[in-house]
């Protein structure tokens, strides 16, 4: 009996490598600036921003997710 396994095709990023690096640099700057101001990014917030850096979500989705996260806290 043969077992059929389904494999997902490899997904390509929705944004370019250059755009990912631009986003990562902007995030790094914002996190550093906020640290100076005494504000720190928690693991859940960092995960949301990492999805943005990879191009998986856009700016409006960041806003929605962060709002939901902070309302829950």
Foldseek 3Di string as FASTA:
>chain_A
DDDDDDDDPDDDQPDDPVQLVVLVVVVVVVQVVVVVVVDHDDPVLVVLSNCVSSNNDDPVVSVVVVVVVVVVD
